[in-house]
């Protein structure tokens, strides 16, 4: 693992791996009745994969550094899942875009890649991934030179890819709280609440909470992510998936959440109005827990309250 890993190992991170194993992934694996397919950024030591490997039938790992990619293959060999593992040596943003492309466009773009890379990506484009696990560097709204958020595009492209395959999946995401785009966060919160206000829903308490300068124990960017990330993913996925939030956590300087995406059985050809009130109420009811280890290394959990829609 890189010494400059922006998501260092911790007791809290290990707790969350175990939580997802016991409360999300095991239940989902039992529901579908088959091994799960994983897509993510597992790092050289592949600790997520190591903890979950008994449930996994396939691993797609993304790593741009060829030295770390080789270490991943060695880690997979030790775990006995080498034959189930594909490591793609590309930027996450690049592979997410390729996966979301329609077949003709993808064929043209892949023509620039080595044949071995083409084969890997073509194989991955046809795999129904059940769990997407991403520790995303750079913040949710940190903008590139063109004024766009690369991470927001990555998430949108992965949802579009999953929508093409019409597959149910769990998305697990971690962001550092440090970010830019305060005005973009606040504008999104205000616009979303205004849409809810049009159907005579009182959003005054939510507006006060999510736009407040200071709430004890809840930094502004934590509250912004708590609202904007699930809401953005719900908005992007709205036409294709019903989205449920499985939980949200805050530890050290990180926001962590897990969401369940289930394809709609039917779609309205003219589209639907976003946000749908009942689904959005459910999304905002998701509790958030602060995780902190005590002196004995046991995880202490503290609820971080937030107003909800009645």
C-alpha atoms as a PDB file:
ATOM      1  CA  UNK A   1       0.000   0.000   0.000  1.00  0.00           C
ATOM      2  CA  UNK A   2       1.241   3.486  -0.804  1.00  0.00           C
ATOM      3  CA  UNK A   3       2.677   5.432   2.108  1.00  0.00           C
ATOM      4  CA  UNK A   4       0.637   8.389   0.836  1.00  0.00           C
ATOM      5  CA  UNK A   5      -2.659   6.513   0.913  1.00  0.00           C
ATOM      6  CA  UNK A   6      -5.327   9.206   1.522  1.00  0.00           C
ATOM      7  CA  UNK A   7      -7.557   6.543   3.131  1.00  0.00           C
ATOM      8  CA  UNK A   8      -5.218   4.937   5.688  1.00  0.00           C
ATOM      9  CA  UNK A   9      -6.081   1.760   7.541  1.00  0.00           C
ATOM     10  CA  UNK A  10      -7.841   2.250  10.856  1.00  0.00           C
ATOM     11  CA  UNK A  11      -9.938   0.415  13.427  1.00  0.00           C
ATOM     12  CA  UNK A  12     -12.992   2.257  12.115  1.00  0.00           C
ATOM     13  CA  UNK A  13     -12.340   1.229   8.523  1.00  0.00           C
ATOM     14  CA  UNK A  14     -11.937  -2.405   9.529  1.00  0.00           C
ATOM     15  CA  UNK A  15     -15.172  -2.206  11.538  1.00  0.00           C
ATOM     16  CA  UNK A  16     -17.035  -0.964   8.463  1.00  0.00           C
ATOM     17  CA  UNK A  17     -15.669  -3.824   6.346  1.00  0.00           C
ATOM     18  CA  UNK A  18     -17.007  -6.293   8.885  1.00  0.00           C
ATOM     19  CA  UNK A  19     -20.315  -4.433   9.163  1.00  0.00           C
ATOM     20  CA  UNK A  20     -20.897  -4.615   5.410  1.00  0.00           C
ATOM     21  CA  UNK A  21     -19.890  -8.282   5.369  1.00  0.00           C
ATOM     22  CA  UNK A  22     -22.399  -9.201   8.065  1.00  0.00           C
ATOM     23  CA  UNK A  23     -25.251  -6.776   7.402  1.00  0.00           C
ATOM     24  CA  UNK A  24     -25.262  -6.059   3.669  1.00  0.00           C
ATOM     25  CA  UNK A  25     -23.215  -8.394   1.521  1.00  0.00           C
ATOM     26  CA  UNK A  26     -24.001 -11.691   3.246  1.00  0.00           C
ATOM     27  CA  UNK A  27     -27.731 -10.948   3.157  1.00  0.00           C
ATOM     28  CA  UNK A  28     -27.553  -9.947  -0.500  1.00  0.00           C
ATOM     29  CA  UNK A  29     -25.507 -13.012  -1.441  1.00  0.00           C
ATOM     30  CA  UNK A  30     -28.079 -15.223   0.247  1.00  0.00           C
ATOM     31  CA  UNK A  31     -30.866 -13.398  -1.586  1.00  0.00           C
ATOM     32  CA  UNK A  32     -29.366 -13.870  -5.061  1.00  0.00           C
ATOM     33  CA  UNK A  33     -28.111 -17.378  -4.297  1.00  0.00           C
ATOM     34  CA  UNK A  34     -24.752 -17.083  -6.041  1.00  0.00           C
ATOM     35  CA  UNK A  35     -21.274 -15.612  -5.482  1.00  0.00           C
ATOM     36  CA  UNK A  36     -21.074 -11.834  -5.873  1.00  0.00           C
ATOM     37  CA  UNK A  37     -19.090  -9.809  -8.401  1.00  0.00           C
ATOM     38  CA  UNK A  38     -16.975  -6.966  -6.967  1.00  0.00           C
ATOM     39  CA  UNK A  39     -15.820  -3.766  -8.680  1.00  0.00           C
ATOM     40  CA  UNK A  40     -13.585  -1.295  -6.915  1.00  0.00           C
ATOM     41  CA  UNK A  41     -10.320   0.222  -5.795  1.00  0.00           C
ATOM     42  CA  UNK A  42      -9.078  -2.381  -3.300  1.00  0.00           C
ATOM     43  CA  UNK A  43      -5.465  -1.098  -3.054  1.00  0.00           C
ATOM     44  CA  UNK A  44      -2.422  -3.349  -3.196  1.00  0.00           C
ATOM     45  CA  UNK A  45      -3.252  -5.355  -0.072  1.00  0.00           C
ATOM     46  CA  UNK A  46      -6.867  -5.908  -1.178  1.00  0.00           C
ATOM     47  CA  UNK A  47      -8.132  -5.864   2.409  1.00  0.00           C
ATOM     48  CA  UNK A  48     -11.768  -5.385   1.398  1.00  0.00           C
ATOM     49  CA  UNK A  49     -11.546  -8.339  -0.961  1.00  0.00           C
ATOM     50  CA  UNK A  50      -9.695 -10.404   1.660  1.00  0.00           C
ATOM     51  CA  UNK A  51     -12.482  -9.932   4.192  1.00  0.00           C
ATOM     52  CA  UNK A  52     -15.283 -10.515   1.679  1.00  0.00           C
ATOM     53  CA  UNK A  53     -13.648 -13.130  -0.557  1.00  0.00           C
ATOM     54  CA  UNK A  54     -15.795 -16.033   0.727  1.00  0.00           C
ATOM     55  CA  UNK A  55     -18.803 -14.279  -0.874  1.00  0.00           C
ATOM     56  CA  UNK A  56     -17.096 -13.291  -4.123  1.00  0.00           C
ATOM     57  CA  UNK A  57     -17.078 -15.093  -7.434  1.00  0.00           C
ATOM     58  CA  UNK A  58     -15.393 -12.316  -9.388  1.00  0.00           C
ATOM     59  CA  UNK A  59     -13.203  -9.279  -8.652  1.00  0.00           C
ATOM     60  CA  UNK A  60     -12.664  -6.316 -10.989  1.00  0.00           C
ATOM     61  CA  UNK A  61      -9.909  -4.175  -9.467  1.00  0.00           C
ATOM     62  CA  UNK A  62      -8.846  -0.790 -10.861  1.00  0.00           C
ATOM     63  CA  UNK A  63      -5.266   0.386 -10.326  1.00  0.00           C
ATOM     64  CA  UNK A  64      -3.324   2.743 -12.596  1.00  0.00           C
ATOM     65  CA  UNK A  65       0.088   1.989 -11.043  1.00  0.00           C
ATOM     66  CA  UNK A  66       1.563  -1.180 -12.668  1.00  0.00           C
ATOM     67  CA  UNK A  67       3.674  -1.959  -9.590  1.00  0.00           C
ATOM     68  CA  UNK A  68       0.596  -1.900  -7.337  1.00  0.00           C
ATOM     69  CA  UNK A  69      -1.386  -3.863  -9.933  1.00  0.00           C
ATOM     70  CA  UNK A  70       1.231  -6.633  -9.751  1.00  0.00           C
ATOM     71  CA  UNK A  71       0.951  -6.609  -5.954  1.00  0.00           C
ATOM     72  CA  UNK A  72      -2.817  -7.015  -6.325  1.00  0.00           C
ATOM     73  CA  UNK A  73      -2.359 -10.131  -8.411  1.00  0.00           C
ATOM     74  CA  UNK A  74      -0.006 -11.518  -5.769  1.00  0.00           C
ATOM     75  CA  UNK A  75      -2.534 -10.733  -3.043  1.00  0.00           C
ATOM     76  CA  UNK A  76      -5.263 -12.452  -5.087  1.00  0.00           C
ATOM     77  CA  UNK A  77      -2.993 -15.474  -5.503  1.00  0.00           C
ATOM     78  CA  UNK A  78      -2.538 -15.720  -1.722  1.00  0.00           C
ATOM     79  CA  UNK A  79      -6.305 -15.503  -1.235  1.00  0.00           C
ATOM     80  CA  UNK A  80      -6.885 -18.265  -3.770  1.00  0.00           C
ATOM     81  CA  UNK A  81      -8.906 -16.017  -6.083  1.00  0.00           C
ATOM     82  CA  UNK A  82      -6.319 -15.244  -8.767  1.00  0.00           C
ATOM     83  CA  UNK A  83      -8.407 -16.899 -11.485  1.00  0.00           C
ATOM     84  CA  UNK A  84     -11.433 -14.832 -10.410  1.00  0.00           C
ATOM     85  CA  UNK A  85      -9.589 -11.494 -10.506  1.00  0.00           C
ATOM     86  CA  UNK A  86      -9.133  -8.946 -13.288  1.00  0.00           C
ATOM     87  CA  UNK A  87      -6.898  -5.936 -12.626  1.00  0.00           C
ATOM     88  CA  UNK A  88      -7.291  -3.071 -15.104  1.00  0.00           C
ATOM     89  CA  UNK A  89      -4.371  -0.634 -15.172  1.00  0.00           C
ATOM     90  CA  UNK A  90      -6.253   2.566 -15.948  1.00  0.00           C
ATOM     91  CA  UNK A  91      -7.608   5.668 -14.273  1.00  0.00           C
ATOM     92  CA  UNK A  92     -10.973   5.037 -12.653  1.00  0.00           C
ATOM     93  CA  UNK A  93     -12.525   7.935 -14.589  1.00  0.00           C
ATOM     94  CA  UNK A  94     -11.345   6.458 -17.883  1.00  0.00           C
ATOM     95  CA  UNK A  95     -12.614   2.943 -17.228  1.00  0.00           C
ATOM     96  CA  UNK A  96     -15.947   4.219 -15.853  1.00  0.00           C
ATOM     97  CA  UNK A  97     -16.494   6.211 -19.042  1.00  0.00           C
ATOM     98  CA  UNK A  98     -15.650   3.192 -21.214  1.00  0.00           C
ATOM     99  CA  UNK A  99     -18.037   0.974 -19.296  1.00  0.00           C
ATOM    100  CA  UNK A 100     -20.901   3.456 -19.710  1.00  0.00           C
ATOM    101  CA  UNK A 101     -20.435   3.809 -23.476  1.00  0.00           C
ATOM    102  CA  UNK A 102     -22.702   2.177 -26.006  1.00  0.00           C
ATOM    103  CA  UNK A 103     -21.104  -0.711 -27.892  1.00  0.00           C
ATOM    104  CA  UNK A 104     -20.169   1.164 -31.080  1.00  0.00           C
ATOM    105  CA  UNK A 105     -18.585   4.072 -29.224  1.00  0.00           C
ATOM    106  CA  UNK A 106     -16.727   1.719 -26.877  1.00  0.00           C
ATOM    107  CA  UNK A 107     -15.363  -0.283 -29.814  1.00  0.00           C
ATOM    108  CA  UNK A 108     -13.882   2.873 -31.363  1.00  0.00           C
ATOM    109  CA  UNK A 109     -12.383   4.035 -28.062  1.00  0.00           C
ATOM    110  CA  UNK A 110     -10.924   0.611 -27.242  1.00  0.00           C
ATOM    111  CA  UNK A 111      -9.192   0.441 -30.629  1.00  0.00           C
ATOM    112  CA  UNK A 112      -6.536   2.714 -29.114  1.00  0.00           C
ATOM    113  CA  UNK A 113      -5.770   0.224 -26.341  1.00  0.00           C
ATOM    114  CA  UNK A 114      -3.527  -2.848 -26.339  1.00  0.00           C
ATOM    115  CA  UNK A 115      -5.382  -6.069 -27.263  1.00  0.00           C
ATOM    116  CA  UNK A 116      -4.933  -7.459 -23.731  1.00  0.00           C
ATOM    117  CA  UNK A 117      -6.589  -4.329 -22.296  1.00  0.00           C
ATOM    118  CA  UNK A 118      -9.388  -4.515 -24.863  1.00  0.00           C
ATOM    119  CA  UNK A 119     -10.101  -8.111 -23.853  1.00  0.00           C
ATOM    120  CA  UNK A 120     -10.240  -7.246 -20.149  1.00  0.00           C
ATOM    121  CA  UNK A 121     -12.569  -4.299 -20.634  1.00  0.00           C
ATOM    122  CA  UNK A 122     -14.859  -6.162 -23.037  1.00  0.00           C
ATOM    123  CA  UNK A 123     -15.145  -8.943 -20.473  1.00  0.00           C
ATOM    124  CA  UNK A 124     -15.886  -6.500 -17.635  1.00  0.00           C
ATOM    125  CA  UNK A 125     -18.501  -4.674 -19.749  1.00  0.00           C
ATOM    126  CA  UNK A 126     -20.594  -7.853 -19.661  1.00  0.00           C
ATOM    127  CA  UNK A 127     -20.269  -8.635 -15.951  1.00  0.00           C
ATOM    128  CA  UNK A 128     -23.157  -7.769 -13.640  1.00  0.00           C
ATOM    129  CA  UNK A 129     -21.302  -6.325 -10.649  1.00  0.00           C
ATOM    130  CA  UNK A 130     -23.105  -6.740  -7.341  1.00  0.00           C
ATOM    131  CA  UNK A 131     -20.933  -4.531  -5.132  1.00  0.00           C
ATOM    132  CA  UNK A 132     -19.076  -1.352  -6.105  1.00  0.00           C
ATOM    133  CA  UNK A 133     -16.666  -0.178  -3.423  1.00  0.00           C
ATOM    134  CA  UNK A 134     -14.903   3.170  -3.903  1.00  0.00           C
ATOM    135  CA  UNK A 135     -12.650   5.324  -1.738  1.00  0.00           C
ATOM    136  CA  UNK A 136     -12.655   8.432  -3.921  1.00  0.00           C
ATOM    137  CA  UNK A 137      -9.794  10.909  -3.684  1.00  0.00           C
ATOM    138  CA  UNK A 138     -10.186  14.614  -4.319  1.00  0.00           C
ATOM    139  CA  UNK A 139     -13.608  15.333  -2.846  1.00  0.00           C
ATOM    140  CA  UNK A 140     -17.068  14.879  -4.291  1.00  0.00           C
ATOM    141  CA  UNK A 141     -17.310  18.250  -6.056  1.00  0.00           C
ATOM    142  CA  UNK A 142     -13.640  19.147  -6.567  1.00  0.00           C
ATOM    143  CA  UNK A 143     -13.554  20.496 -10.102  1.00  0.00           C
ATOM    144  CA  UNK A 144     -11.092  19.761 -12.897  1.00  0.00           C
ATOM    145  CA  UNK A 145      -9.756  22.335 -15.360  1.00  0.00           C
ATOM    146  CA  UNK A 146     -13.024  22.265 -17.296  1.00  0.00           C
ATOM    147  CA  UNK A 147     -15.019  23.104 -14.197  1.00  0.00           C
ATOM    148  CA  UNK A 148     -16.459  19.593 -13.851  1.00  0.00           C
ATOM    149  CA  UNK A 149     -16.333  17.179 -10.925  1.00  0.00           C
ATOM    150  CA  UNK A 150     -14.482  14.053 -12.012  1.00  0.00           C
ATOM    151  CA  UNK A 151     -15.833  11.998  -9.123  1.00  0.00           C
ATOM    152  CA  UNK A 152     -19.430  12.992  -9.818  1.00  0.00           C
ATOM    153  CA  UNK A 153     -18.910  11.862 -13.430  1.00  0.00           C
ATOM    154  CA  UNK A 154     -17.372   8.569 -12.285  1.00  0.00           C
ATOM    155  CA  UNK A 155     -20.414   7.799 -10.151  1.00  0.00           C
ATOM    156  CA  UNK A 156     -22.811   8.783 -12.929  1.00  0.00           C
ATOM    157  CA  UNK A 157     -20.992   6.609 -15.480  1.00  0.00           C
ATOM    158  CA  UNK A 158     -20.958   3.576 -13.179  1.00  0.00           C
ATOM    159  CA  UNK A 159     -24.694   3.913 -12.556  1.00  0.00           C
ATOM    160  CA  UNK A 160     -25.286   4.188 -16.315  1.00  0.00           C
ATOM    161  CA  UNK A 161     -23.184   1.050 -16.824  1.00  0.00           C
ATOM    162  CA  UNK A 162     -25.165  -0.867 -14.217  1.00  0.00           C
ATOM    163  CA  UNK A 163     -28.427   0.418 -15.716  1.00  0.00           C
ATOM    164  CA  UNK A 164     -27.517  -1.042 -19.120  1.00  0.00           C
ATOM    165  CA  UNK A 165     -27.174  -4.468 -17.502  1.00  0.00           C
ATOM    166  CA  UNK A 166     -30.342  -3.946 -15.416  1.00  0.00           C
ATOM    167  CA  UNK A 167     -28.681  -5.325 -12.330  1.00  0.00           C
ATOM    168  CA  UNK A 168     -29.291  -4.835  -8.624  1.00  0.00           C
ATOM    169  CA  UNK A 169     -26.192  -3.708  -6.735  1.00  0.00           C
ATOM    170  CA  UNK A 170     -24.759  -2.171  -3.582  1.00  0.00           C
ATOM    171  CA  UNK A 171     -22.549   0.911  -3.849  1.00  0.00           C
ATOM    172  CA  UNK A 172     -20.196   1.680  -0.941  1.00  0.00           C
ATOM    173  CA  UNK A 173     -18.476   5.082  -1.028  1.00  0.00           C
ATOM    174  CA  UNK A 174     -15.988   6.950   1.130  1.00  0.00           C
ATOM    175  CA  UNK A 175     -15.045  10.617   0.750  1.00  0.00           C
ATOM    176  CA  UNK A 176     -12.716  12.815   2.757  1.00  0.00           C
ATOM    177  CA  UNK A 177     -14.570  15.833   4.135  1.00  0.00           C
ATOM    178  CA  UNK A 178     -12.077  18.252   2.647  1.00  0.00           C
ATOM    179  CA  UNK A 179     -13.572  19.583  -0.578  1.00  0.00           C
ATOM    180  CA  UNK A 180     -14.310  22.667  -2.639  1.00  0.00           C
ATOM    181  CA  UNK A 181     -17.643  23.703  -4.098  1.00  0.00           C
ATOM    182  CA  UNK A 182     -19.434  25.120  -1.046  1.00  0.00           C
ATOM    183  CA  UNK A 183     -21.731  27.176  -3.276  1.00  0.00           C
ATOM    184  CA  UNK A 184     -22.504  24.180  -5.494  1.00  0.00           C
ATOM    185  CA  UNK A 185     -23.409  22.069  -2.470  1.00  0.00           C
ATOM    186  CA  UNK A 186     -25.622  24.803  -1.034  1.00  0.00           C
ATOM    187  CA  UNK A 187     -27.295  25.539  -4.389  1.00  0.00           C
ATOM    188  CA  UNK A 188     -28.120  21.849  -4.815  1.00  0.00           C
ATOM    189  CA  UNK A 189     -29.597  21.664  -1.306  1.00  0.00           C
ATOM    190  CA  UNK A 190     -31.667  24.824  -1.833  1.00  0.00           C
ATOM    191  CA  UNK A 191     -32.943  23.758  -5.279  1.00  0.00           C
ATOM    192  CA  UNK A 192     -33.896  20.287  -4.050  1.00  0.00           C
ATOM    193  CA  UNK A 193     -35.744  21.652  -1.029  1.00  0.00           C
ATOM    194  CA  UNK A 194     -37.516  24.180  -3.238  1.00  0.00           C
ATOM    195  CA  UNK A 195     -38.793  21.318  -5.403  1.00  0.00           C
ATOM    196  CA  UNK A 196     -40.179  19.643  -2.295  1.00  0.00           C
ATOM    197  CA  UNK A 197     -41.704  22.949  -1.194  1.00  0.00           C
ATOM    198  CA  UNK A 198     -43.723  23.084  -4.410  1.00  0.00           C
ATOM    199  CA  UNK A 199     -45.753  20.113  -3.191  1.00  0.00           C
ATOM    200  CA  UNK A 200     -46.521  21.868   0.113  1.00  0.00           C
ATOM    201  CA  UNK A 201     -43.866  20.121   2.226  1.00  0.00           C
ATOM    202  CA  UNK A 202     -42.343  22.108   5.053  1.00  0.00           C
ATOM    203  CA  UNK A 203     -38.567  21.983   4.587  1.00  0.00           C
ATOM    204  CA  UNK A 204     -37.620  24.808   6.951  1.00  0.00           C
ATOM    205  CA  UNK A 205     -35.955  22.549   9.532  1.00  0.00           C
ATOM    206  CA  UNK A 206     -33.914  20.792   6.855  1.00  0.00           C
ATOM    207  CA  UNK A 207     -32.833  24.128   5.381  1.00  0.00           C
ATOM    208  CA  UNK A 208     -31.647  25.378   8.772  1.00  0.00           C
ATOM    209  CA  UNK A 209     -29.731  22.181   9.528  1.00  0.00           C
ATOM    210  CA  UNK A 210     -28.028  21.537   6.191  1.00  0.00           C
ATOM    211  CA  UNK A 211     -27.125  25.184   5.524  1.00  0.00           C
ATOM    212  CA  UNK A 212     -26.096  26.114   9.097  1.00  0.00           C
ATOM    213  CA  UNK A 213     -22.591  27.506   9.577  1.00  0.00           C
ATOM    214  CA  UNK A 214     -22.027  25.561  12.765  1.00  0.00           C
ATOM    215  CA  UNK A 215     -23.588  22.500  14.423  1.00  0.00           C
ATOM    216  CA  UNK A 216     -21.631  20.940  17.248  1.00  0.00           C
ATOM    217  CA  UNK A 217     -19.894  17.714  16.255  1.00  0.00           C
ATOM    218  CA  UNK A 218     -21.119  17.905  12.652  1.00  0.00           C
ATOM    219  CA  UNK A 219     -18.797  19.832  10.296  1.00  0.00           C
ATOM    220  CA  UNK A 220     -20.440  21.700   7.389  1.00  0.00           C
ATOM    221  CA  UNK A 221     -18.987  19.410   4.710  1.00  0.00           C
ATOM    222  CA  UNK A 222     -20.216  16.335   6.567  1.00  0.00           C
ATOM    223  CA  UNK A 223     -23.752  17.701   6.499  1.00  0.00           C
ATOM    224  CA  UNK A 224     -23.403  18.719   2.849  1.00  0.00           C
ATOM    225  CA  UNK A 225     -22.248  15.223   1.868  1.00  0.00           C
ATOM    226  CA  UNK A 226     -24.943  13.634   4.026  1.00  0.00           C
ATOM    227  CA  UNK A 227     -27.586  15.380   1.925  1.00  0.00           C
ATOM    228  CA  UNK A 228     -25.989  15.879  -1.480  1.00  0.00           C
ATOM    229  CA  UNK A 229     -24.264  12.568  -2.204  1.00  0.00           C
ATOM    230  CA  UNK A 230     -27.285  10.266  -1.661  1.00  0.00           C
ATOM    231  CA  UNK A 231     -29.579  12.826  -3.284  1.00  0.00           C
ATOM    232  CA  UNK A 232     -27.290  13.172  -6.324  1.00  0.00           C
ATOM    233  CA  UNK A 233     -26.999   9.403  -6.747  1.00  0.00           C
ATOM    234  CA  UNK A 234     -30.765   9.082  -6.391  1.00  0.00           C
ATOM    235  CA  UNK A 235     -31.279  11.775  -9.027  1.00  0.00           C
ATOM    236  CA  UNK A 236     -28.823  10.194 -11.476  1.00  0.00           C
ATOM    237  CA  UNK A 237     -30.306   6.721 -10.980  1.00  0.00           C
ATOM    238  CA  UNK A 238     -33.928   7.866 -10.736  1.00  0.00           C
ATOM    239  CA  UNK A 239     -35.156   6.682 -14.143  1.00  0.00           C
ATOM    240  CA  UNK A 240     -33.572   3.244 -13.739  1.00  0.00           C
ATOM    241  CA  UNK A 241     -33.382   2.317 -10.059  1.00  0.00           C
ATOM    242  CA  UNK A 242     -35.157   2.521  -6.745  1.00  0.00           C
ATOM    243  CA  UNK A 243     -32.441   3.645  -4.309  1.00  0.00           C
ATOM    244  CA  UNK A 244     -32.285   2.878  -0.584  1.00  0.00           C
ATOM    245  CA  UNK A 245     -29.639   4.156   1.790  1.00  0.00           C
ATOM    246  CA  UNK A 246     -28.270   1.305   3.911  1.00  0.00           C
ATOM    247  CA  UNK A 247     -26.459   3.568   6.366  1.00  0.00           C
ATOM    248  CA  UNK A 248     -24.076   6.486   6.802  1.00  0.00           C
ATOM    249  CA  UNK A 249     -21.033   6.842   9.031  1.00  0.00           C
ATOM    250  CA  UNK A 250     -18.532   9.511  10.049  1.00  0.00           C
ATOM    251  CA  UNK A 251     -15.065   8.618  11.301  1.00  0.00           C
ATOM    252  CA  UNK A 252     -11.870  10.654  11.630  1.00  0.00           C
ATOM    253  CA  UNK A 253     -12.243  13.042   8.652  1.00  0.00           C
ATOM    254  CA  UNK A 254     -14.252  10.727   6.387  1.00  0.00           C
ATOM    255  CA  UNK A 255     -17.864  10.335   5.282  1.00  0.00           C
ATOM    256  CA  UNK A 256     -18.884   6.769   4.419  1.00  0.00           C
ATOM    257  CA  UNK A 257     -22.174   5.499   3.056  1.00  0.00           C
ATOM    258  CA  UNK A 258     -23.742   2.453   1.395  1.00  0.00           C
ATOM    259  CA  UNK A 259     -26.718   2.453  -0.967  1.00  0.00           C
ATOM    260  CA  UNK A 260     -28.806  -0.303  -2.518  1.00  0.00           C
ATOM    261  CA  UNK A 261     -29.916   0.077  -6.163  1.00  0.00           C
ATOM    262  CA  UNK A 262     -32.804  -2.051  -7.420  1.00  0.00           C
ATOM    263  CA  UNK A 263     -33.960  -1.760 -11.054  1.00  0.00           C
ATOM    264  CA  UNK A 264     -37.465  -0.483 -11.708  1.00  0.00           C
ATOM    265  CA  UNK A 265     -39.712  -3.151 -13.206  1.00  0.00           C
ATOM    266  CA  UNK A 266     -41.156  -0.589 -15.592  1.00  0.00           C
ATOM    267  CA  UNK A 267     -40.253   2.906 -16.763  1.00  0.00           C
ATOM    268  CA  UNK A 268     -42.390   5.878 -17.731  1.00  0.00           C
ATOM    269  CA  UNK A 269     -41.589   6.819 -21.340  1.00  0.00           C
ATOM    270  CA  UNK A 270     -42.055  10.510 -20.521  1.00  0.00           C
ATOM    271  CA  UNK A 271     -39.969  10.357 -17.358  1.00  0.00           C
ATOM    272  CA  UNK A 272     -41.010  11.093 -13.788  1.00  0.00           C
ATOM    273  CA  UNK A 273     -40.778  14.128 -11.557  1.00  0.00           C
ATOM    274  CA  UNK A 274     -37.779  14.292  -9.250  1.00  0.00           C
ATOM    275  CA  UNK A 275     -37.575  14.095  -6.313  1.00  0.00           C
ATOM    276  CA  UNK A 276     -40.338  11.558  -5.570  1.00  0.00           C
ATOM    277  CA  UNK A 277     -41.539  12.565  -2.138  1.00  0.00           C
ATOM    278  CA  UNK A 278     -41.847   9.217  -0.356  1.00  0.00           C
ATOM    279  CA  UNK A 279     -38.543   7.854  -1.665  1.00  0.00           C
ATOM    280  CA  UNK A 280     -36.792  11.073  -0.727  1.00  0.00           C
ATOM    281  CA  UNK A 281     -38.253  11.026   2.772  1.00  0.00           C
ATOM    282  CA  UNK A 282     -36.884   7.507   3.192  1.00  0.00           C
ATOM    283  CA  UNK A 283     -33.474   8.618   1.955  1.00  0.00           C
ATOM    284  CA  UNK A 284     -33.281  11.477   4.471  1.00  0.00           C
ATOM    285  CA  UNK A 285     -34.351   9.252   7.364  1.00  0.00           C
ATOM    286  CA  UNK A 286     -31.114   7.277   7.138  1.00  0.00           C
ATOM    287  CA  UNK A 287     -29.314   7.520  10.483  1.00  0.00           C
ATOM    288  CA  UNK A 288     -25.687   8.595  10.645  1.00  0.00           C
ATOM    289  CA  UNK A 289     -23.288   7.201  13.227  1.00  0.00           C
ATOM    290  CA  UNK A 290     -19.995   8.647  14.388  1.00  0.00           C
ATOM    291  CA  UNK A 291     -17.406   5.907  14.933  1.00  0.00           C
ATOM    292  CA  UNK A 292     -14.576   6.308  17.399  1.00  0.00           C
ATOM    293  CA  UNK A 293     -12.422   3.683  19.146  1.00  0.00           C
ATOM    294  CA  UNK A 294     -12.065   3.640  22.929  1.00  0.00           C
ATOM    295  CA  UNK A 295      -8.833   2.909  24.804  1.00  0.00           C
ATOM    296  CA  UNK A 296      -9.346  -0.836  24.357  1.00  0.00           C
ATOM    297  CA  UNK A 297      -9.851  -0.533  20.610  1.00  0.00           C
ATOM    298  CA  UNK A 298     -13.593  -1.144  20.766  1.00  0.00           C
ATOM    299  CA  UNK A 299     -15.751   0.958  18.462  1.00  0.00           C
ATOM    300  CA  UNK A 300     -18.021   3.491  20.124  1.00  0.00           C
ATOM    301  CA  UNK A 301     -21.042   4.589  18.088  1.00  0.00           C
ATOM    302  CA  UNK A 302     -22.765   7.930  18.509  1.00  0.00           C
ATOM    303  CA  UNK A 303     -25.888   8.945  16.608  1.00  0.00           C
ATOM    304  CA  UNK A 304     -25.702  12.269  14.772  1.00  0.00           C
ATOM    305  CA  UNK A 305     -29.314  13.523  14.610  1.00  0.00           C
ATOM    306  CA  UNK A 306     -30.768  15.412  11.667  1.00  0.00           C
ATOM    307  CA  UNK A 307     -34.286  16.655  10.877  1.00  0.00           C
ATOM    308  CA  UNK A 308     -36.413  14.603   8.508  1.00  0.00           C
ATOM    309  CA  UNK A 309     -39.482  15.167   6.381  1.00  0.00           C
ATOM    310  CA  UNK A 310     -42.822  14.289   7.958  1.00  0.00           C
END
